[in-house]
N, C-alpha and C. Protein backbone atom coordinates (compact mmCIF):
# COMPACT_ATOMS: atom_id res chain seq x y z
N UNK A 1 0.84 -1.20 0.00
CA UNK A 1 0.00 0.00 0.00
C UNK A 1 0.87 1.25 0.00
N UNK A 2 0.48 2.29 -0.77
CA UNK A 2 1.23 3.54 -0.76
C UNK A 2 1.30 4.17 0.62
N UNK A 3 2.37 4.93 0.85
CA UNK A 3 2.53 5.67 2.09
C UNK A 3 1.47 6.76 2.19
N UNK A 4 0.98 7.07 3.40
CA UNK A 4 0.04 8.19 3.56
C UNK A 4 0.63 9.52 3.12
N UNK A 5 1.96 9.63 3.08
CA UNK A 5 2.62 10.88 2.70
C UNK A 5 2.91 10.99 1.21
N UNK A 6 2.70 9.90 0.49
CA UNK A 6 3.09 9.90 -0.92
C UNK A 6 2.15 9.01 -1.73
N UNK A 7 1.69 9.56 -2.87
CA UNK A 7 0.83 8.80 -3.77
C UNK A 7 1.45 8.62 -5.16
N UNK A 8 2.32 9.57 -5.52
CA UNK A 8 2.76 9.68 -6.90
C UNK A 8 4.27 9.86 -6.98
N UNK A 9 4.91 9.22 -7.96
CA UNK A 9 6.33 9.43 -8.23
C UNK A 9 6.48 9.83 -9.69
N UNK A 10 7.20 10.94 -9.92
CA UNK A 10 7.36 11.50 -11.26
C UNK A 10 8.84 11.45 -11.62
N UNK A 11 9.16 10.83 -12.72
CA UNK A 11 10.55 10.63 -13.14
C UNK A 11 10.90 11.50 -14.35
N UNK A 12 12.09 12.08 -14.32
CA UNK A 12 12.75 12.54 -15.53
C UNK A 12 13.22 11.28 -16.27
N UNK A 13 13.67 11.44 -17.53
CA UNK A 13 14.11 10.28 -18.31
C UNK A 13 15.62 10.26 -18.49
N UNK A 14 16.18 11.25 -19.19
CA UNK A 14 17.61 11.25 -19.47
C UNK A 14 18.46 11.43 -18.23
N UNK A 15 19.39 10.55 -18.02
CA UNK A 15 20.32 10.54 -16.88
C UNK A 15 19.63 10.19 -15.56
N UNK A 16 18.37 9.83 -15.61
CA UNK A 16 17.66 9.31 -14.42
C UNK A 16 17.25 7.87 -14.69
N UNK A 17 16.60 7.64 -15.81
CA UNK A 17 16.22 6.27 -16.18
C UNK A 17 17.13 5.68 -17.24
N UNK A 18 17.60 6.54 -18.16
CA UNK A 18 18.48 6.08 -19.24
C UNK A 18 19.66 7.03 -19.41
N UNK A 19 20.82 6.45 -19.63
CA UNK A 19 21.99 7.23 -19.97
C UNK A 19 21.81 7.79 -21.39
N UNK A 20 22.39 8.97 -21.62
CA UNK A 20 22.31 9.59 -22.95
C UNK A 20 23.56 10.41 -23.19
N UNK A 21 24.15 10.26 -24.37
CA UNK A 21 25.33 11.04 -24.69
C UNK A 21 25.51 11.03 -26.21
N UNK A 22 25.61 12.21 -26.80
CA UNK A 22 25.84 12.33 -28.25
C UNK A 22 27.10 11.57 -28.65
N UNK A 23 28.05 11.52 -27.75
CA UNK A 23 29.33 10.85 -28.01
C UNK A 23 29.14 9.38 -28.40
N UNK A 24 28.12 8.73 -27.85
CA UNK A 24 27.93 7.30 -28.15
C UNK A 24 27.78 7.06 -29.64
N UNK A 25 27.11 7.98 -30.32
CA UNK A 25 26.94 7.84 -31.77
C UNK A 25 28.23 8.22 -32.50
N UNK A 26 28.76 9.39 -32.20
CA UNK A 26 29.84 9.90 -33.04
C UNK A 26 31.19 9.25 -32.76
N UNK A 27 31.35 8.60 -31.62
CA UNK A 27 32.58 7.83 -31.40
C UNK A 27 32.68 6.68 -32.39
N UNK A 28 31.55 6.21 -32.89
CA UNK A 28 31.55 5.16 -33.91
C UNK A 28 31.91 5.70 -35.28
N UNK A 29 31.67 6.98 -35.49
CA UNK A 29 31.78 7.57 -36.82
C UNK A 29 33.06 8.38 -37.02
N UNK A 30 33.66 8.82 -35.91
CA UNK A 30 34.86 9.65 -35.99
C UNK A 30 35.96 8.97 -35.18
N UNK A 31 36.83 8.21 -35.81
CA UNK A 31 37.83 7.43 -35.06
C UNK A 31 38.95 8.28 -34.45
N UNK A 32 39.22 9.43 -35.02
CA UNK A 32 40.30 10.27 -34.48
C UNK A 32 39.83 11.01 -33.22
N UNK A 33 40.46 10.79 -32.06
CA UNK A 33 39.98 11.39 -30.79
C UNK A 33 39.96 12.92 -30.81
N UNK A 34 40.97 13.54 -31.41
CA UNK A 34 41.01 15.01 -31.44
C UNK A 34 39.90 15.57 -32.31
N UNK A 35 39.70 14.93 -33.45
CA UNK A 35 38.61 15.40 -34.32
C UNK A 35 37.25 15.16 -33.69
N UNK A 36 37.08 14.06 -32.97
CA UNK A 36 35.82 13.79 -32.27
C UNK A 36 35.54 14.89 -31.25
N UNK A 37 36.55 15.26 -30.45
CA UNK A 37 36.36 16.30 -29.44
C UNK A 37 36.01 17.62 -30.10
N UNK A 38 36.68 17.95 -31.20
CA UNK A 38 36.36 19.19 -31.91
C UNK A 38 34.92 19.17 -32.39
N UNK A 39 34.50 18.06 -32.97
CA UNK A 39 33.15 17.95 -33.54
C UNK A 39 32.09 18.12 -32.44
N UNK A 40 32.29 17.46 -31.31
CA UNK A 40 31.30 17.51 -30.22
C UNK A 40 31.31 18.86 -29.50
N UNK A 41 32.41 19.56 -29.57
CA UNK A 41 32.52 20.86 -28.92
C UNK A 41 32.00 21.99 -29.79
N UNK A 42 32.09 21.81 -31.11
CA UNK A 42 31.79 22.91 -32.02
C UNK A 42 30.62 22.68 -32.97
N UNK A 43 30.34 21.44 -33.31
CA UNK A 43 29.34 21.17 -34.35
C UNK A 43 28.07 20.59 -33.72
N UNK A 44 28.01 19.30 -33.56
CA UNK A 44 26.84 18.68 -32.93
C UNK A 44 27.07 18.70 -31.42
N UNK A 45 26.60 19.76 -30.80
CA UNK A 45 26.78 19.98 -29.36
C UNK A 45 25.49 19.70 -28.61
N UNK A 46 25.61 19.57 -27.31
CA UNK A 46 24.40 19.41 -26.49
C UNK A 46 23.49 20.63 -26.61
N UNK A 47 24.08 21.82 -26.62
CA UNK A 47 23.28 23.03 -26.72
C UNK A 47 22.49 23.06 -28.02
N UNK A 48 23.13 22.64 -29.11
CA UNK A 48 22.41 22.54 -30.38
C UNK A 48 21.28 21.52 -30.27
N UNK A 49 21.57 20.38 -29.66
CA UNK A 49 20.54 19.34 -29.53
C UNK A 49 19.32 19.84 -28.76
N UNK A 50 19.54 20.65 -27.71
CA UNK A 50 18.44 21.04 -26.83
C UNK A 50 17.36 21.84 -27.56
N UNK A 51 17.68 22.36 -28.75
CA UNK A 51 16.63 23.02 -29.55
C UNK A 51 15.49 22.05 -29.87
N UNK A 52 15.84 20.78 -30.06
CA UNK A 52 14.82 19.79 -30.42
C UNK A 52 13.86 19.57 -29.25
N UNK A 53 14.37 19.66 -28.03
CA UNK A 53 13.51 19.50 -26.86
C UNK A 53 12.46 20.61 -26.80
N UNK A 54 12.78 21.74 -27.42
CA UNK A 54 11.85 22.87 -27.44
C UNK A 54 10.96 22.85 -28.69
N UNK A 55 10.92 21.73 -29.36
CA UNK A 55 10.01 21.45 -30.48
C UNK A 55 10.54 21.88 -31.84
N UNK A 56 11.80 22.23 -31.94
CA UNK A 56 12.34 22.51 -33.27
C UNK A 56 12.59 21.20 -34.00
N UNK A 57 12.14 21.07 -35.24
CA UNK A 57 12.34 19.82 -35.98
C UNK A 57 13.77 19.68 -36.48
N UNK A 58 14.23 18.45 -36.55
CA UNK A 58 15.59 18.16 -36.99
C UNK A 58 15.84 18.68 -38.40
N UNK A 59 14.86 18.64 -39.26
CA UNK A 59 15.07 19.09 -40.63
C UNK A 59 15.51 20.55 -40.66
N UNK A 60 15.01 21.36 -39.72
CA UNK A 60 15.40 22.78 -39.65
C UNK A 60 16.78 22.95 -39.03
N UNK A 61 16.99 22.31 -37.89
CA UNK A 61 18.28 22.48 -37.20
C UNK A 61 19.42 21.90 -38.02
N UNK A 62 19.14 20.82 -38.73
CA UNK A 62 20.16 20.22 -39.60
C UNK A 62 20.57 21.20 -40.69
N UNK A 63 19.61 21.81 -41.35
CA UNK A 63 19.91 22.74 -42.44
C UNK A 63 20.75 23.92 -41.94
N UNK A 64 20.38 24.44 -40.78
CA UNK A 64 21.13 25.58 -40.22
C UNK A 64 22.57 25.18 -39.89
N UNK A 65 22.74 24.01 -39.31
CA UNK A 65 24.07 23.58 -38.90
C UNK A 65 24.95 23.26 -40.12
N UNK A 66 24.35 22.66 -41.13
CA UNK A 66 25.11 22.37 -42.35
C UNK A 66 25.55 23.66 -43.03
N UNK A 67 24.70 24.69 -42.95
CA UNK A 67 25.08 25.99 -43.52
C UNK A 67 26.30 26.57 -42.80
N UNK A 68 26.42 26.30 -41.51
CA UNK A 68 27.57 26.76 -40.74
C UNK A 68 28.81 25.90 -40.98
N UNK A 69 28.58 24.59 -41.12
CA UNK A 69 29.70 23.63 -41.26
C UNK A 69 29.45 22.72 -42.46
N UNK A 70 29.52 23.27 -43.66
CA UNK A 70 29.19 22.45 -44.83
C UNK A 70 30.08 21.22 -45.01
N UNK A 71 31.30 21.28 -44.54
CA UNK A 71 32.19 20.12 -44.67
C UNK A 71 31.75 18.96 -43.80
N UNK A 72 30.88 19.25 -42.80
CA UNK A 72 30.41 18.20 -41.89
C UNK A 72 29.00 17.73 -42.22
N UNK A 73 28.53 18.04 -43.40
CA UNK A 73 27.13 17.76 -43.76
C UNK A 73 26.75 16.29 -43.58
N UNK A 74 27.62 15.40 -44.00
CA UNK A 74 27.28 13.97 -43.91
C UNK A 74 27.10 13.54 -42.46
N UNK A 75 28.03 13.93 -41.60
CA UNK A 75 27.94 13.54 -40.19
C UNK A 75 26.75 14.20 -39.51
N UNK A 76 26.50 15.46 -39.81
CA UNK A 76 25.34 16.15 -39.22
C UNK A 76 24.05 15.45 -39.64
N UNK A 77 23.96 15.08 -40.90
CA UNK A 77 22.74 14.46 -41.43
C UNK A 77 22.43 13.12 -40.78
N UNK A 78 23.44 12.46 -40.27
CA UNK A 78 23.23 11.15 -39.62
C UNK A 78 22.61 11.26 -38.24
N UNK A 79 22.66 12.45 -37.65
CA UNK A 79 22.20 12.60 -36.26
C UNK A 79 20.73 12.18 -36.10
N UNK A 80 19.87 12.65 -36.99
CA UNK A 80 18.46 12.31 -36.86
C UNK A 80 18.15 10.84 -37.04
N UNK A 81 18.51 10.27 -38.19
CA UNK A 81 18.16 8.86 -38.42
C UNK A 81 18.85 7.88 -37.47
N UNK A 82 20.01 8.28 -36.91
CA UNK A 82 20.72 7.37 -36.01
C UNK A 82 20.67 7.85 -34.56
N UNK A 83 19.69 8.69 -34.25
CA UNK A 83 19.63 9.29 -32.92
C UNK A 83 19.54 8.24 -31.81
N UNK A 84 18.89 7.13 -32.04
CA UNK A 84 18.76 6.10 -31.00
C UNK A 84 20.12 5.62 -30.50
N UNK A 85 21.15 5.78 -31.32
CA UNK A 85 22.48 5.35 -30.91
C UNK A 85 23.13 6.31 -29.90
N UNK A 86 22.45 7.41 -29.58
CA UNK A 86 22.92 8.29 -28.50
C UNK A 86 22.43 7.82 -27.14
N UNK A 87 21.51 6.87 -27.13
CA UNK A 87 20.97 6.33 -25.87
C UNK A 87 21.88 5.22 -25.37
N UNK A 88 22.25 5.32 -24.09
CA UNK A 88 23.06 4.29 -23.48
C UNK A 88 22.22 3.26 -22.75
N UNK A 89 22.80 2.68 -21.73
CA UNK A 89 22.11 1.65 -20.96
C UNK A 89 21.15 2.28 -19.95
N UNK A 90 20.17 1.52 -19.45
CA UNK A 90 19.37 2.02 -18.34
C UNK A 90 20.25 2.36 -17.14
N UNK A 91 19.90 3.40 -16.43
CA UNK A 91 20.65 3.77 -15.23
C UNK A 91 20.50 2.65 -14.21
N UNK A 92 21.61 2.19 -13.61
CA UNK A 92 21.54 1.02 -12.71
C UNK A 92 20.49 1.16 -11.61
N UNK A 93 19.66 0.14 -11.55
CA UNK A 93 18.67 0.03 -10.48
C UNK A 93 17.39 0.81 -10.68
N UNK A 94 17.34 1.67 -11.68
CA UNK A 94 16.18 2.56 -11.78
C UNK A 94 14.96 1.92 -12.44
N UNK A 95 15.18 1.09 -13.45
CA UNK A 95 14.04 0.38 -14.04
C UNK A 95 13.38 -0.50 -12.98
N UNK A 96 14.22 -1.14 -12.18
CA UNK A 96 13.70 -2.01 -11.11
C UNK A 96 12.95 -1.19 -10.07
N UNK A 97 13.42 0.03 -9.79
CA UNK A 97 12.73 0.89 -8.82
C UNK A 97 11.35 1.28 -9.34
N UNK A 98 11.26 1.64 -10.61
CA UNK A 98 9.95 1.95 -11.19
C UNK A 98 9.01 0.77 -11.04
N UNK A 99 9.50 -0.41 -11.36
CA UNK A 99 8.67 -1.62 -11.27
C UNK A 99 8.21 -1.87 -9.84
N UNK A 100 9.12 -1.68 -8.88
CA UNK A 100 8.79 -1.89 -7.47
C UNK A 100 7.71 -0.92 -7.00
N UNK A 101 7.87 0.34 -7.35
CA UNK A 101 6.90 1.36 -6.92
C UNK A 101 5.54 1.15 -7.58
N UNK A 102 5.55 0.80 -8.87
CA UNK A 102 4.28 0.55 -9.55
C UNK A 102 3.55 -0.65 -8.94
N UNK A 103 4.31 -1.68 -8.63
CA UNK A 103 3.72 -2.88 -8.03
C UNK A 103 3.14 -2.58 -6.65
N UNK A 104 3.77 -1.63 -5.95
CA UNK A 104 3.30 -1.27 -4.61
C UNK A 104 2.09 -0.34 -4.64
N UNK A 105 1.69 0.09 -5.83
CA UNK A 105 0.47 0.88 -5.94
C UNK A 105 0.68 2.37 -6.11
N UNK A 106 1.91 2.81 -6.28
CA UNK A 106 2.16 4.23 -6.51
C UNK A 106 1.85 4.58 -7.96
N UNK A 107 1.31 5.79 -8.15
CA UNK A 107 1.07 6.28 -9.51
C UNK A 107 2.40 6.77 -10.07
N UNK A 108 2.70 6.36 -11.30
CA UNK A 108 3.99 6.67 -11.91
C UNK A 108 3.76 7.55 -13.14
N UNK A 109 4.50 8.68 -13.19
CA UNK A 109 4.40 9.61 -14.30
C UNK A 109 5.80 10.05 -14.71
N UNK A 110 5.88 10.79 -15.82
CA UNK A 110 7.15 11.35 -16.27
C UNK A 110 6.99 12.78 -16.73
N UNK A 111 8.05 13.56 -16.55
CA UNK A 111 8.18 14.89 -17.17
C UNK A 111 9.58 14.93 -17.75
N UNK A 112 9.69 15.07 -19.06
CA UNK A 112 11.00 15.01 -19.68
C UNK A 112 11.17 16.09 -20.73
N UNK A 113 12.35 16.72 -20.72
CA UNK A 113 12.75 17.58 -21.83
C UNK A 113 13.26 16.67 -22.94
N UNK A 114 12.48 16.54 -24.00
CA UNK A 114 12.76 15.52 -25.01
C UNK A 114 12.12 15.96 -26.32
N UNK A 115 12.84 15.81 -27.41
CA UNK A 115 12.29 16.07 -28.74
C UNK A 115 11.09 15.16 -29.01
N UNK A 116 10.04 15.72 -29.58
CA UNK A 116 8.87 14.90 -29.91
C UNK A 116 9.22 13.83 -30.94
N UNK A 117 10.01 14.21 -31.96
CA UNK A 117 10.31 13.22 -33.00
C UNK A 117 11.27 12.15 -32.50
N UNK A 118 12.20 12.52 -31.62
CA UNK A 118 13.11 11.51 -31.07
C UNK A 118 12.40 10.65 -30.02
N UNK A 119 11.45 11.24 -29.29
CA UNK A 119 10.66 10.46 -28.35
C UNK A 119 9.86 9.38 -29.08
N UNK A 120 9.31 9.74 -30.23
CA UNK A 120 8.54 8.76 -31.01
C UNK A 120 9.42 7.58 -31.43
N UNK A 121 10.71 7.83 -31.64
CA UNK A 121 11.65 6.75 -31.97
C UNK A 121 11.99 5.92 -30.73
N UNK A 122 12.18 6.62 -29.61
CA UNK A 122 12.71 5.96 -28.41
C UNK A 122 11.65 5.21 -27.62
N UNK A 123 10.46 5.78 -27.49
CA UNK A 123 9.43 5.20 -26.61
C UNK A 123 9.17 3.72 -26.88
N UNK A 124 9.05 3.27 -28.13
CA UNK A 124 8.76 1.84 -28.36
C UNK A 124 9.90 0.91 -27.93
N UNK A 125 11.10 1.45 -27.73
CA UNK A 125 12.24 0.60 -27.36
C UNK A 125 12.35 0.41 -25.85
N UNK A 126 11.50 1.09 -25.08
CA UNK A 126 11.66 1.12 -23.62
C UNK A 126 10.37 0.69 -22.93
N UNK A 127 10.18 -0.61 -22.72
CA UNK A 127 8.92 -1.09 -22.15
C UNK A 127 8.64 -0.63 -20.73
N UNK A 128 9.65 -0.10 -20.02
CA UNK A 128 9.39 0.39 -18.66
C UNK A 128 8.31 1.47 -18.68
N UNK A 129 8.19 2.20 -19.79
CA UNK A 129 7.20 3.28 -19.83
C UNK A 129 5.77 2.77 -19.91
N UNK A 130 5.60 1.47 -20.13
CA UNK A 130 4.25 0.89 -20.06
C UNK A 130 3.68 1.02 -18.66
N UNK A 131 4.56 1.19 -17.66
CA UNK A 131 4.12 1.31 -16.27
C UNK A 131 3.71 2.75 -15.91
N UNK A 132 3.97 3.68 -16.82
CA UNK A 132 3.66 5.09 -16.57
C UNK A 132 2.23 5.40 -17.00
N UNK A 133 1.50 6.13 -16.17
CA UNK A 133 0.15 6.54 -16.55
C UNK A 133 0.19 7.60 -17.66
N UNK A 134 1.18 8.48 -17.60
CA UNK A 134 1.28 9.55 -18.58
C UNK A 134 2.69 10.13 -18.50
N UNK A 135 3.16 10.71 -19.60
CA UNK A 135 4.47 11.34 -19.65
C UNK A 135 4.34 12.66 -20.41
N UNK A 136 4.74 13.75 -19.77
CA UNK A 136 4.77 15.04 -20.42
C UNK A 136 6.12 15.18 -21.13
N UNK A 137 6.07 15.38 -22.44
CA UNK A 137 7.27 15.49 -23.27
C UNK A 137 7.36 16.94 -23.76
N UNK A 138 8.46 17.60 -23.42
CA UNK A 138 8.58 19.03 -23.71
C UNK A 138 8.37 19.35 -25.18
N UNK A 139 8.92 18.51 -26.05
CA UNK A 139 8.80 18.77 -27.48
C UNK A 139 7.39 18.66 -28.01
N UNK A 140 6.52 17.97 -27.29
CA UNK A 140 5.11 17.88 -27.67
C UNK A 140 4.32 19.07 -27.14
N UNK A 141 4.75 19.60 -25.99
CA UNK A 141 3.99 20.66 -25.32
C UNK A 141 4.54 22.06 -25.61
N UNK A 142 5.75 22.14 -26.18
CA UNK A 142 6.43 23.41 -26.43
C UNK A 142 6.64 24.19 -25.14
N UNK A 143 6.98 23.48 -24.10
CA UNK A 143 7.40 24.09 -22.83
C UNK A 143 8.40 23.14 -22.20
N UNK A 144 9.40 23.70 -21.53
CA UNK A 144 10.50 22.89 -21.01
C UNK A 144 10.72 23.17 -19.53
N UNK A 145 11.15 22.14 -18.81
CA UNK A 145 11.66 22.38 -17.46
C UNK A 145 12.85 23.33 -17.55
N UNK A 146 13.00 24.28 -16.66
CA UNK A 146 12.25 24.49 -15.42
C UNK A 146 11.11 25.50 -15.50
N UNK A 147 10.52 25.70 -16.66
CA UNK A 147 9.37 26.60 -16.79
C UNK A 147 8.28 26.18 -15.80
N UNK A 148 7.81 27.09 -14.93
CA UNK A 148 6.75 26.73 -13.99
C UNK A 148 5.51 26.16 -14.67
N UNK A 149 5.28 26.54 -15.94
CA UNK A 149 4.08 26.09 -16.63
C UNK A 149 4.05 24.58 -16.81
N UNK A 150 5.22 23.95 -16.92
CA UNK A 150 5.23 22.50 -17.16
C UNK A 150 4.83 21.75 -15.89
N UNK A 151 5.15 22.33 -14.75
CA UNK A 151 4.75 21.70 -13.48
C UNK A 151 3.25 21.92 -13.23
N UNK A 152 2.76 23.09 -13.62
CA UNK A 152 1.32 23.34 -13.51
C UNK A 152 0.55 22.40 -14.42
N UNK A 153 1.08 22.17 -15.63
CA UNK A 153 0.45 21.22 -16.54
C UNK A 153 0.43 19.82 -15.94
N UNK A 154 1.55 19.42 -15.31
CA UNK A 154 1.60 18.09 -14.69
C UNK A 154 0.54 17.95 -13.60
N UNK A 155 0.42 18.97 -12.78
CA UNK A 155 -0.57 18.90 -11.68
C UNK A 155 -1.97 18.72 -12.24
N UNK A 156 -2.33 19.51 -13.27
CA UNK A 156 -3.69 19.44 -13.80
C UNK A 156 -3.92 18.20 -14.65
N UNK A 157 -2.97 17.88 -15.50
CA UNK A 157 -3.18 16.75 -16.42
C UNK A 157 -3.11 15.42 -15.69
N UNK A 158 -2.19 15.30 -14.76
CA UNK A 158 -2.07 14.04 -14.02
C UNK A 158 -3.15 13.91 -12.95
N UNK A 159 -3.75 15.03 -12.56
CA UNK A 159 -4.77 14.99 -11.51
C UNK A 159 -4.18 14.61 -10.16
N UNK A 160 -3.09 15.30 -9.78
CA UNK A 160 -2.36 14.93 -8.57
C UNK A 160 -2.27 16.11 -7.62
N UNK A 161 -1.97 15.81 -6.37
CA UNK A 161 -1.65 16.80 -5.35
C UNK A 161 -0.13 16.86 -5.26
N UNK A 162 0.50 18.00 -5.63
CA UNK A 162 1.97 18.05 -5.60
C UNK A 162 2.58 17.69 -4.26
N UNK A 163 1.88 18.01 -3.17
CA UNK A 163 2.42 17.69 -1.85
C UNK A 163 2.46 16.19 -1.58
N UNK A 164 1.75 15.42 -2.41
CA UNK A 164 1.72 13.97 -2.28
C UNK A 164 2.53 13.29 -3.39
N UNK A 165 3.38 14.11 -4.07
CA UNK A 165 4.15 13.60 -5.20
C UNK A 165 5.64 13.86 -4.98
N UNK A 166 6.47 12.95 -5.50
CA UNK A 166 7.92 13.11 -5.49
C UNK A 166 8.40 13.21 -6.93
N UNK A 167 9.13 14.30 -7.23
CA UNK A 167 9.70 14.54 -8.55
C UNK A 167 11.18 14.26 -8.49
N UNK A 168 11.70 13.49 -9.47
CA UNK A 168 13.10 13.07 -9.50
C UNK A 168 13.73 13.57 -10.79
N UNK A 169 14.81 14.37 -10.67
CA UNK A 169 15.46 14.95 -11.84
C UNK A 169 16.93 15.15 -11.54
N UNK A 170 17.78 15.07 -12.58
CA UNK A 170 19.22 15.22 -12.36
C UNK A 170 19.69 16.66 -12.41
N UNK A 171 18.81 17.60 -12.81
CA UNK A 171 19.21 19.01 -12.94
C UNK A 171 18.72 19.82 -11.73
N UNK A 172 19.64 20.43 -10.98
CA UNK A 172 19.24 21.20 -9.79
C UNK A 172 18.17 22.26 -10.09
N UNK A 173 18.27 22.94 -11.24
CA UNK A 173 17.30 23.99 -11.55
C UNK A 173 15.89 23.42 -11.74
N UNK A 174 15.80 22.21 -12.26
CA UNK A 174 14.49 21.58 -12.44
C UNK A 174 13.91 21.13 -11.10
N UNK A 175 14.80 20.65 -10.22
CA UNK A 175 14.38 20.24 -8.88
C UNK A 175 13.89 21.46 -8.11
N UNK A 176 14.62 22.56 -8.19
CA UNK A 176 14.23 23.78 -7.48
C UNK A 176 12.88 24.29 -7.97
N UNK A 177 12.66 24.25 -9.29
CA UNK A 177 11.39 24.71 -9.85
C UNK A 177 10.23 23.83 -9.39
N UNK A 178 10.48 22.53 -9.30
CA UNK A 178 9.43 21.62 -8.81
C UNK A 178 9.07 21.93 -7.36
N UNK A 179 10.08 22.19 -6.55
CA UNK A 179 9.82 22.54 -5.15
C UNK A 179 9.03 23.84 -5.05
N UNK A 180 9.40 24.80 -5.90
CA UNK A 180 8.66 26.07 -5.91
C UNK A 180 7.20 25.85 -6.29
N UNK A 181 6.94 24.81 -7.08
CA UNK A 181 5.57 24.49 -7.50
C UNK A 181 4.83 23.63 -6.48
N UNK A 182 5.49 23.32 -5.36
CA UNK A 182 4.82 22.58 -4.29
C UNK A 182 5.07 21.09 -4.26
N UNK A 183 5.94 20.60 -5.17
CA UNK A 183 6.25 19.18 -5.20
C UNK A 183 7.37 18.85 -4.20
N UNK A 184 7.36 17.66 -3.66
CA UNK A 184 8.56 17.09 -3.08
C UNK A 184 9.49 16.79 -4.25
N UNK A 185 10.78 17.02 -4.08
CA UNK A 185 11.69 16.82 -5.22
C UNK A 185 13.07 16.45 -4.71
N UNK A 186 13.77 15.65 -5.51
CA UNK A 186 15.12 15.22 -5.15
C UNK A 186 16.01 15.28 -6.38
N UNK A 187 17.22 15.78 -6.19
CA UNK A 187 18.20 15.79 -7.26
C UNK A 187 18.79 14.39 -7.40
N UNK A 188 18.73 13.86 -8.60
CA UNK A 188 19.17 12.48 -8.83
C UNK A 188 20.68 12.41 -8.95
N UNK A 189 21.28 11.64 -8.06
CA UNK A 189 22.71 11.33 -8.13
C UNK A 189 22.93 9.82 -8.15
N UNK A 190 21.85 9.06 -8.22
CA UNK A 190 21.90 7.61 -8.17
C UNK A 190 20.72 7.10 -7.35
N UNK A 191 20.46 5.82 -7.45
CA UNK A 191 19.31 5.25 -6.74
C UNK A 191 19.35 5.48 -5.23
N UNK A 192 20.52 5.43 -4.56
CA UNK A 192 20.52 5.64 -3.10
C UNK A 192 19.91 6.98 -2.68
N UNK A 193 20.17 8.04 -3.45
CA UNK A 193 19.60 9.34 -3.11
C UNK A 193 18.08 9.32 -3.20
N UNK A 194 17.55 8.59 -4.17
CA UNK A 194 16.10 8.48 -4.32
C UNK A 194 15.51 7.67 -3.17
N UNK A 195 16.16 6.58 -2.83
CA UNK A 195 15.67 5.75 -1.73
C UNK A 195 15.67 6.53 -0.41
N UNK A 196 16.69 7.37 -0.22
CA UNK A 196 16.74 8.18 1.00
C UNK A 196 15.57 9.16 1.06
N UNK A 197 15.26 9.78 -0.08
CA UNK A 197 14.14 10.72 -0.11
C UNK A 197 12.82 9.98 0.05
N UNK A 198 12.69 8.82 -0.56
CA UNK A 198 11.47 8.03 -0.39
C UNK A 198 11.28 7.64 1.07
N UNK A 199 12.37 7.29 1.74
CA UNK A 199 12.28 6.91 3.15
C UNK A 199 11.75 8.07 4.00
N UNK A 200 12.15 9.30 3.68
CA UNK A 200 11.67 10.47 4.41
C UNK A 200 10.16 10.62 4.26
N UNK A 201 9.64 10.09 3.12
CA UNK A 201 8.21 10.18 2.84
C UNK A 201 7.48 8.89 3.23
N UNK A 202 8.14 8.05 3.99
CA UNK A 202 7.51 6.85 4.53
C UNK A 202 7.49 5.66 3.61
N UNK A 203 8.36 5.68 2.58
CA UNK A 203 8.37 4.59 1.59
C UNK A 203 9.69 3.83 1.73
N UNK A 204 9.60 2.55 1.98
CA UNK A 204 10.78 1.68 2.03
C UNK A 204 10.78 0.78 0.81
N UNK A 205 11.90 0.76 0.08
CA UNK A 205 11.98 -0.11 -1.11
C UNK A 205 13.17 -1.03 -0.98
């Protein structure tokens, strides 16, 4: 039975449930270490990628980046179709934690900064999300954490009481915004940190 202090657990996805790194793809494509570092620092960067989380389509961002780096057109063009290769392994212990909490009767949801088109590719590969009642994807909603609006959307769409919910995210600014919105929240540094926060809310796993 759920704890009287907690009904709902809300998970981020990247670096909480699944590892993610652009390097995983391009290390296969660029064998020279110095050139790989240059490419990841200057061309296909995390900052460039984050545009997709805000609903920009790859076809647009690709064209802009190729205009800046025409010599890298082939490698840039591979980012979209081979995006799944940027996903690493599940974060240790976290898939099992989701399963344990769902089995115990907790409502499970997600809020993730994620491209809508890349989410459509990734979601079918990850059966753990079958345990989630709903997942707010920034690229579908055109709002991103830590925007207060995304937490307000979660409260209304999920039909939850934030004071009875725990939000788990690896970014301090997202955790702080969730707390400001009335949620219990914990910065993810590994499963032990989550278990410690759950214990404070009367949940033993």
